C-alpha atoms as a PDB file:
ATOM      1  CA  MET A   1     -13.432  -2.420 -27.322  1.00  0.00           C
ATOM      2  CA  PHE A   2     -12.705  -4.142 -24.240  1.00  0.00           C
ATOM      3  CA  ARG A   3     -16.516  -4.734 -23.539  1.00  0.00           C
ATOM      4  CA  GLN A   4     -16.491  -7.945 -25.225  1.00  0.00           C
ATOM      5  CA  ASN A   5     -16.982 -11.462 -24.267  1.00  0.00           C
ATOM      6  CA  LYS A   6     -13.774 -12.791 -25.734  1.00  0.00           C
ATOM      7  CA  ILE A   7     -11.042 -15.095 -24.431  1.00  0.00           C
ATOM      8  CA  TRP A   8      -8.297 -12.629 -25.691  1.00  0.00           C
ATOM      9  CA  VAL A   9      -9.869  -9.943 -23.623  1.00  0.00           C
ATOM     10  CA  GLY A  10      -9.482 -12.040 -20.475  1.00  0.00           C
ATOM     11  CA  LEU A  11      -6.042 -12.922 -21.480  1.00  0.00           C
ATOM     12  CA  LEU A  12      -4.999  -9.291 -21.884  1.00  0.00           C
ATOM     13  CA  PHE A  13      -6.447  -8.162 -18.433  1.00  0.00           C
ATOM     14  CA  GLY A  14      -4.980 -11.358 -17.041  1.00  0.00           C
ATOM     15  CA  LEU A  15      -1.527 -10.836 -18.223  1.00  0.00           C
ATOM     16  CA  ILE A  16      -1.442  -6.894 -17.948  1.00  0.00           C
ATOM     17  CA  LEU A  17      -3.023  -6.567 -14.570  1.00  0.00           C
ATOM     18  CA  PRO A  18      -0.263  -8.622 -12.673  1.00  0.00           C
ATOM     19  CA  ALA A  19       2.482  -6.955 -14.575  1.00  0.00           C
ATOM     20  CA  ILE A  20       1.304  -3.497 -13.394  1.00  0.00           C
ATOM     21  CA  GLY A  21       0.639  -4.770 -10.097  1.00  0.00           C
ATOM     22  CA  ALA A  22       4.059  -6.402  -9.630  1.00  0.00           C
ATOM     23  CA  VAL A  23       5.609  -2.907 -10.540  1.00  0.00           C
ATOM     24  CA  LEU A  24       3.491  -0.958  -8.041  1.00  0.00           C
ATOM     25  CA  ILE A  25       4.161  -3.438  -5.168  1.00  0.00           C
ATOM     26  CA  PHE A  26       7.979  -3.606  -5.888  1.00  0.00           C
ATOM     27  CA  ASN A  27       7.975   0.116  -5.917  1.00  0.00           C
ATOM     28  CA  LEU A  28       5.831   0.225  -2.760  1.00  0.00           C
ATOM     29  CA  PHE A  29       8.457  -1.917  -0.847  1.00  0.00           C
ATOM     30  CA  LYS A  30      11.066   0.138  -2.201  1.00  0.00           C
ATOM     31  CA  LEU A  31       9.427   3.187  -0.988  1.00  0.00           C
ATOM     32  CA  LEU A  32       8.784   1.667   2.332  1.00  0.00           C
ATOM     33  CA  ALA A  33      12.504   0.525   2.767  1.00  0.00           C
ATOM     34  CA  TYR A  34      13.554   3.914   1.920  1.00  0.00           C
ATOM     35  CA  PHE A  35      11.407   5.517   5.067  1.00  0.00           C
ATOM     36  CA  GLY A  36      12.432   2.543   7.348  1.00  0.00           C
ATOM     37  CA  GLY A  37       8.828   0.997   7.236  1.00  0.00           C
ATOM     38  CA  ALA A  38      10.114  -2.433   5.653  1.00  0.00           C
ATOM     39  CA  SER A  39      13.232  -4.625   6.172  1.00  0.00           C
ATOM     40  CA  GLY A  40      14.284  -7.396   4.158  1.00  0.00           C
ATOM     41  CA  GLU A  41      16.447  -8.890   6.997  1.00  0.00           C
ATOM     42  CA  GLY A  42      15.927 -12.000   8.690  1.00  0.00           C
ATOM     43  CA  PHE A  43      13.828 -13.653   5.552  1.00  0.00           C
ATOM     44  CA  THR A  44      14.825 -15.964   3.163  1.00  0.00           C
ATOM     45  CA  PRO A  45      16.690 -14.358   0.135  1.00  0.00           C
ATOM     46  CA  ASN A  46      13.870 -14.168  -2.378  1.00  0.00           C
ATOM     47  CA  PHE A  47      11.192 -13.721   0.032  1.00  0.00           C
ATOM     48  CA  ARG A  48       9.948 -10.145  -0.840  1.00  0.00           C
ATOM     49  CA  GLU A  49      10.143 -10.943  -4.431  1.00  0.00           C
ATOM     50  CA  ARG A  50       8.465 -14.091  -4.410  1.00  0.00           C
ATOM     51  CA  THR A  51       5.622 -12.796  -2.208  1.00  0.00           C
ATOM     52  CA  SER A  52       5.120  -9.758  -4.414  1.00  0.00           C
ATOM     53  CA  VAL A  53       4.872 -11.727  -7.549  1.00  0.00           C
ATOM     54  CA  VAL A  54       2.043 -14.217  -5.793  1.00  0.00           C
ATOM     55  CA  ILE A  55       0.199 -10.871  -4.682  1.00  0.00           C
ATOM     56  CA  ALA A  56       0.405  -9.481  -8.238  1.00  0.00           C
ATOM     57  CA  ILE A  57      -0.856 -12.801  -9.631  1.00  0.00           C
ATOM     58  CA  ALA A  58      -3.692 -12.826  -7.083  1.00  0.00           C
ATOM     59  CA  LEU A  59      -4.819  -9.588  -8.365  1.00  0.00           C
ATOM     60  CA  ASN A  60      -6.456 -11.515 -11.294  1.00  0.00           C
ATOM     61  CA  LEU A  61      -9.270 -12.300  -8.854  1.00  0.00           C
ATOM     62  CA  PHE A  62     -10.718  -8.896  -9.363  1.00  0.00           C
ATOM     63  CA  PRO A  63     -11.436  -8.842 -13.276  1.00  0.00           C
ATOM     64  CA  MET A  64     -12.433 -12.737 -12.898  1.00  0.00           C
ATOM     65  CA  ASN A  65     -15.058 -11.410 -10.173  1.00  0.00           C
ATOM     66  CA  ILE A  66     -16.185  -8.587 -12.531  1.00  0.00           C
ATOM     67  CA  PHE A  67     -16.362 -10.872 -15.465  1.00  0.00           C
ATOM     68  CA  ARG A  68     -18.255 -13.502 -13.417  1.00  0.00           C
ATOM     69  CA  ARG A  69     -21.007 -10.821 -12.310  1.00  0.00           C
ATOM     70  CA  GLN A  70     -21.470  -9.855 -15.983  1.00  0.00           C
ATOM     71  CA  ARG A  71     -21.729 -13.539 -17.103  1.00  0.00           C
ATOM     72  CA  TRP A  72     -18.867 -13.068 -19.518  1.00  0.00           C
ATOM     73  CA  ASP A  73     -17.649 -16.559 -19.431  1.00  0.00           C
ATOM     74  CA  LEU A  74     -15.358 -16.583 -22.199  1.00  0.00           C
ATOM     75  CA  SER A  75     -13.442 -13.589 -20.728  1.00  0.00           C
ATOM     76  CA  MET A  76     -13.344 -15.068 -17.369  1.00  0.00           C
ATOM     77  CA  ARG A  77     -11.813 -18.311 -19.085  1.00  0.00           C
ATOM     78  CA  GLY A  78      -9.170 -15.973 -20.489  1.00  0.00           C
ATOM     79  CA  VAL A  79      -8.155 -14.398 -17.094  1.00  0.00           C
ATOM     80  CA  MET A  80      -8.057 -18.111 -15.594  1.00  0.00           C
ATOM     81  CA  ILE A  81      -5.776 -19.241 -18.533  1.00  0.00           C
ATOM     82  CA  ALA A  82      -3.510 -16.323 -17.776  1.00  0.00           C
ATOM     83  CA  THR A  83      -3.398 -16.848 -13.988  1.00  0.00           C
ATOM     84  CA  VAL A  84      -2.649 -20.406 -14.437  1.00  0.00           C
ATOM     85  CA  LEU A  85       0.092 -19.763 -16.819  1.00  0.00           C
ATOM     86  CA  LEU A  86       1.670 -17.187 -14.605  1.00  0.00           C
ATOM     87  CA  ALA A  87       1.224 -19.343 -11.482  1.00  0.00           C
ATOM     88  CA  PHE A  88       2.879 -22.268 -13.540  1.00  0.00           C
ATOM     89  CA  VAL A  89       5.915 -19.790 -14.471  1.00  0.00           C
ATOM     90  CA  TRP A  90       6.169 -18.765 -10.782  1.00  0.00           C
ATOM     91  CA  ILE A  91       6.210 -22.313  -9.719  1.00  0.00           C
ATOM     92  CA  MET A  92       8.885 -23.304 -12.018  1.00  0.00           C
ATOM     93  CA  HIS A  93      11.030 -20.059 -11.591  1.00  0.00           C
ATOM     94  CA  TYR A  94      11.197 -20.137  -7.927  1.00  0.00           C
ATOM     95  CA  THR A  95      11.587 -23.879  -7.413  1.00  0.00           C
ATOM     96  CA  LEU A  96      14.837 -23.691  -9.587  1.00  0.00           C
ATOM     97  CA  LYS A  97      15.979 -20.981  -7.387  1.00  0.00           C
ATOM     98  CA  VAL A  98      15.229 -22.921  -4.094  1.00  0.00           C
ATOM     99  CA  PHE A  99      17.332 -26.177  -5.175  1.00  0.00           C
END
């Protein structure tokens, strides 16, 4: 089903992968904080949240590279569209929190 060169396949991967990645990264930071391995003190108020979301968006590099190697241009385009949309939402969300 997902072995197709379609834009919707890329959009699906481009939206689901960062969502799952963000949840895993947030839980990893909570686990590290519980065991004393990470502390949020001394940073700006939303530093951990902002950084975790950027890392989660950057996870889209993996499916883009896979689609590029398979020459699935339409799927890669779908991942790029999702990445640009998520980056735009990130900028708008955290720019409003800064000011």
